[in-house]
């Protein structure tokens, strides 16, 4: 006998929010690859535990600079209300999601009627989606409130799996930036004040110049910014 599967409510997505699936970074960015790049194959003072910490810091830094989810897959939800200046008769609008969609499925939910909720497909890796108007902007329930906003799809949300399908799908340039990030940390453990110089000779006078931003000093930022379409 088959067990009945309860149908989720109108305000609930079809899958749990917050579920995560961590990638196997030992396969994508192994300790051997890191040691080969940093030339620490036979350096006993640089341990694997130390390099794993540096690798985690590089992943977090790459996520912050690129806006991509690199540590794994995660189910997220976002508000999907439309713009207040939507043209009369137009039944769709564009929204840029926080992360690229991993598997191509986006679930729209939170409507007042079961027909408002819908699942639509996009190409995997898509970040900008076209959302159909399911709830009209005309709403007289709060018409006397001068601060009220009547927006298309007001109160509705989207749920999707964010990130890449697997670690192998992460662009090689992002991995190379992580290796540059790691090499800089290994070479500069934090005991040097002037971490980047553009001259071979020392300058006189008072003042401090240089940067302690690892992503900038190592050159990783120049690689990572290529994968952020909104970078200036």
Protein backbone atom coordinates (compact mmCIF):
# COMPACT_ATOMS: atom_id res chain seq x y z
CA UNK A 1 0.00 0.00 0.00
CA UNK A 2 1.35 3.40 -0.97
CA UNK A 3 1.67 6.02 1.72
CA UNK A 4 -0.10 9.31 0.86
CA UNK A 5 2.17 12.28 0.25
CA UNK A 6 0.75 15.46 1.85
CA UNK A 7 0.36 18.35 -0.59
CA UNK A 8 2.28 21.44 0.56
CA UNK A 9 0.28 24.50 1.51
CA UNK A 10 0.02 27.58 -0.66
CA UNK A 11 2.74 29.30 1.36
CA UNK A 12 5.11 26.33 1.40
CA UNK A 13 7.61 25.28 -1.30
CA UNK A 14 7.60 21.66 -2.51
CA UNK A 15 11.00 20.98 -0.96
CA UNK A 16 12.66 21.96 2.34
CA UNK A 17 14.37 25.34 2.34
CA UNK A 18 17.97 25.41 3.51
CA UNK A 19 18.99 21.90 2.43
CA UNK A 20 22.66 21.88 1.49
CA UNK A 21 24.89 19.51 -0.44
CA UNK A 22 28.58 20.22 0.02
CA UNK A 23 30.98 19.63 -2.86
CA UNK A 24 33.99 17.31 -2.67
CA UNK A 25 36.74 19.90 -2.86
CA UNK A 26 39.40 17.26 -2.26
CA UNK A 27 38.71 16.11 -5.82
CA UNK A 28 38.35 19.54 -7.47
CA UNK A 29 41.17 21.32 -5.63
CA UNK A 30 43.23 18.59 -3.98
CA UNK A 31 46.09 18.98 -1.56
CA UNK A 32 48.50 17.66 -4.21
CA UNK A 33 47.40 20.37 -6.64
CA UNK A 34 47.75 23.05 -3.98
CA UNK A 35 51.21 21.83 -2.94
CA UNK A 36 52.36 21.67 -6.57
CA UNK A 37 51.22 25.24 -7.19
CA UNK A 38 52.62 26.64 -3.94
CA UNK A 39 55.87 24.59 -4.24
CA UNK A 40 55.38 23.08 -0.78
CA UNK A 41 55.71 19.38 -1.71
CA UNK A 42 58.61 18.85 0.69
CA UNK A 43 57.97 21.62 3.21
CA UNK A 44 57.01 19.96 6.52
CA UNK A 45 56.12 23.31 8.11
CA UNK A 46 53.06 23.63 5.85
CA UNK A 47 50.56 20.99 6.97
CA UNK A 48 47.47 19.68 5.19
CA UNK A 49 45.25 21.06 7.95
CA UNK A 50 46.75 24.49 7.36
CA UNK A 51 46.19 24.27 3.59
CA UNK A 52 42.58 23.10 4.07
CA UNK A 53 41.92 26.18 6.20
CA UNK A 54 43.44 28.37 3.48
CA UNK A 55 41.34 26.58 0.84
CA UNK A 56 38.12 27.22 2.80
CA UNK A 57 39.08 30.89 3.13
CA UNK A 58 39.72 31.06 -0.64
CA UNK A 59 36.31 29.52 -1.39
CA UNK A 60 34.56 32.01 0.90
CA UNK A 61 36.47 34.92 -0.62
CA UNK A 62 35.62 33.81 -4.17
CA UNK A 63 31.93 33.54 -3.21
CA UNK A 64 31.91 37.09 -1.84
CA UNK A 65 33.68 38.64 -4.82
CA UNK A 66 31.80 36.76 -7.56
CA UNK A 67 28.37 36.46 -5.91
CA UNK A 68 28.34 32.76 -6.85
CA UNK A 69 27.65 29.81 -4.55
CA UNK A 70 30.78 27.65 -4.75
CA UNK A 71 30.87 25.58 -1.57
CA UNK A 72 27.96 23.38 -2.70
CA UNK A 73 24.29 23.37 -3.59
CA UNK A 74 21.71 25.03 -1.37
CA UNK A 75 17.93 25.41 -1.60
CA UNK A 76 17.06 29.08 -1.21
CA UNK A 77 13.94 31.23 -1.38
CA UNK A 78 13.57 34.86 -2.43
CA UNK A 79 10.73 37.38 -2.69
CA UNK A 80 9.55 37.78 -6.25
CA UNK A 81 7.27 40.83 -6.17
CA UNK A 82 7.08 42.71 -9.45
CA UNK A 83 7.86 46.38 -10.08
CA UNK A 84 5.31 49.08 -9.29
CA UNK A 85 5.73 50.63 -12.77
CA UNK A 86 4.71 47.51 -14.69
CA UNK A 87 2.97 48.52 -17.91
CA UNK A 88 -0.76 47.93 -18.13
CA UNK A 89 -1.52 44.61 -19.83
CA UNK A 90 2.05 43.26 -19.49
CA UNK A 91 1.89 39.83 -17.84
CA UNK A 92 5.60 39.15 -17.24
CA UNK A 93 8.62 40.91 -15.73
CA UNK A 94 12.33 40.15 -15.34
CA UNK A 95 14.00 39.37 -12.02
CA UNK A 96 17.68 38.74 -11.28
CA UNK A 97 18.10 36.01 -8.68
CA UNK A 98 20.75 36.08 -6.00
CA UNK A 99 22.38 32.87 -7.31
CA UNK A 100 22.32 30.93 -10.60
CA UNK A 101 19.76 28.11 -10.77
CA UNK A 102 21.47 24.72 -10.46
CA UNK A 103 19.00 22.24 -11.99
CA UNK A 104 16.76 24.52 -14.06
CA UNK A 105 13.62 24.30 -11.90
CA UNK A 106 12.14 27.41 -10.27
CA UNK A 107 9.05 27.07 -8.07
CA UNK A 108 6.74 30.06 -7.66
CA UNK A 109 4.56 29.91 -4.54
CA UNK A 110 2.71 31.99 -1.97
CA UNK A 111 -0.37 32.81 -4.01
CA UNK A 112 -3.94 33.02 -2.72
CA UNK A 113 -5.13 30.25 -5.07
CA UNK A 114 -3.54 26.89 -5.99
CA UNK A 115 -3.42 27.98 -9.64
CA UNK A 116 -1.15 30.88 -8.65
CA UNK A 117 1.62 28.50 -7.65
CA UNK A 118 3.61 27.16 -10.57
CA UNK A 119 6.86 25.46 -11.53
CA UNK A 120 8.68 26.70 -14.62
CA UNK A 121 11.94 25.63 -16.22
CA UNK A 122 14.97 27.70 -17.17
CA UNK A 123 18.38 26.76 -18.49
CA UNK A 124 20.75 25.54 -15.71
CA UNK A 125 23.00 28.38 -14.63
CA UNK A 126 20.37 31.02 -15.41
CA UNK A 127 20.28 34.00 -13.05
CA UNK A 128 17.79 36.36 -14.72
CA UNK A 129 14.33 34.84 -15.09
CA UNK A 130 11.02 35.93 -16.61
CA UNK A 131 8.27 35.71 -14.00
CA UNK A 132 4.59 35.49 -15.02
CA UNK A 133 2.15 37.74 -13.19
CA UNK A 134 -0.02 35.43 -11.09
CA UNK A 135 -1.47 37.98 -8.68
CA UNK A 136 -2.75 41.27 -10.04
CA UNK A 137 -1.55 44.56 -8.58
CA UNK A 138 -5.15 45.63 -7.95
CA UNK A 139 -5.83 44.96 -4.28
CA UNK A 140 -8.50 46.88 -2.33
CA UNK A 141 -7.93 45.10 0.99
CA UNK A 142 -5.70 47.91 2.25
CA UNK A 143 -6.78 50.82 0.08
CA UNK A 144 -7.01 53.32 2.95
CA UNK A 145 -3.37 52.90 4.01
CA UNK A 146 -1.30 55.69 2.40
CA UNK A 147 1.87 53.61 2.85
CA UNK A 148 0.50 50.47 1.18
CA UNK A 149 2.07 49.16 -2.00
CA UNK A 150 0.09 47.14 -4.54
CA UNK A 151 2.67 45.18 -6.52
CA UNK A 152 2.30 42.34 -9.02
CA UNK A 153 2.76 38.97 -7.27
CA UNK A 154 2.74 40.75 -3.93
CA UNK A 155 3.83 38.41 -1.13
CA UNK A 156 4.88 35.61 -3.49
CA UNK A 157 8.28 33.92 -3.44
CA UNK A 158 10.43 31.63 -5.57
CA UNK A 159 12.39 28.60 -4.38
CA UNK A 160 15.21 26.97 -6.32
CA UNK A 161 18.44 25.04 -5.94
CA UNK A 162 21.34 27.47 -6.06
CA UNK A 163 24.90 26.84 -7.10
CA UNK A 164 26.57 24.59 -9.65
CA UNK A 165 25.47 21.01 -10.28
CA UNK A 166 28.87 19.71 -9.13
CA UNK A 167 32.34 20.99 -8.33
CA UNK A 168 33.60 20.06 -11.81
CA UNK A 169 31.23 22.67 -13.32
CA UNK A 170 32.96 25.53 -11.49
CA UNK A 171 34.95 27.56 -14.08
CA UNK A 172 38.67 26.91 -14.23
CA UNK A 173 39.42 30.62 -13.85
CA UNK A 174 37.81 30.66 -10.41
CA UNK A 175 39.92 27.65 -9.37
CA UNK A 176 43.08 29.34 -10.67
CA UNK A 177 42.19 32.44 -8.66
CA UNK A 178 41.90 30.28 -5.56
CA UNK A 179 45.37 28.87 -6.22
CA UNK A 180 46.76 32.41 -6.51
CA UNK A 181 44.98 33.29 -3.26
CA UNK A 182 46.51 30.24 -1.55
CA UNK A 183 50.01 30.90 -2.88
CA UNK A 184 49.95 34.44 -1.53
CA UNK A 185 48.87 33.28 1.94
CA UNK A 186 51.59 30.62 2.07
CA UNK A 187 54.23 33.14 1.01
CA UNK A 188 52.96 35.95 3.26
CA UNK A 189 51.83 34.55 6.64
CA UNK A 190 51.04 38.03 8.00
CA UNK A 191 54.35 39.15 9.43
CA UNK A 192 54.98 41.78 6.74
CA UNK A 193 53.36 45.19 6.84
CA UNK A 194 53.90 46.24 3.22
CA UNK A 195 52.35 43.33 1.37
CA UNK A 196 52.44 44.74 -2.19
CA UNK A 197 55.03 47.00 -3.81
CA UNK A 198 55.36 48.47 -7.28
CA UNK A 199 59.05 49.44 -6.90
CA UNK A 200 62.18 47.44 -6.19
CA UNK A 201 63.79 50.19 -4.10
CA UNK A 202 62.53 51.50 -0.80
CA UNK A 203 60.99 54.93 -0.50
CA UNK A 204 61.90 57.50 2.06
CA UNK A 205 59.59 59.69 4.05
CA UNK A 206 56.72 58.98 6.35
CA UNK A 207 53.65 57.01 5.43
CA UNK A 208 52.61 53.48 4.58
CA UNK A 209 51.67 52.29 1.11
CA UNK A 210 50.48 48.96 -0.25
CA UNK A 211 47.51 46.70 0.49
CA UNK A 212 46.65 43.79 2.75
CA UNK A 213 43.73 42.65 0.60
CA UNK A 214 44.77 39.13 -0.35
CA UNK A 215 42.46 38.81 -3.38
CA UNK A 216 43.82 42.07 -4.83
CA UNK A 217 47.48 41.54 -4.00
CA UNK A 218 47.57 37.96 -5.30
CA UNK A 219 45.83 38.76 -8.58
CA UNK A 220 42.89 36.46 -7.80
CA UNK A 221 40.43 39.34 -7.94
CA UNK A 222 41.27 40.04 -11.60
CA UNK A 223 40.29 36.47 -12.45
CA UNK A 224 37.18 36.32 -10.26
CA UNK A 225 35.73 39.62 -11.47
CA UNK A 226 35.36 38.15 -14.98
CA UNK A 227 32.59 35.91 -13.65
CA UNK A 228 30.59 38.77 -12.14
CA UNK A 229 28.50 40.33 -14.89
CA UNK A 230 27.74 43.33 -12.67
CA UNK A 231 31.38 44.13 -11.87
CA UNK A 232 32.55 47.58 -12.96
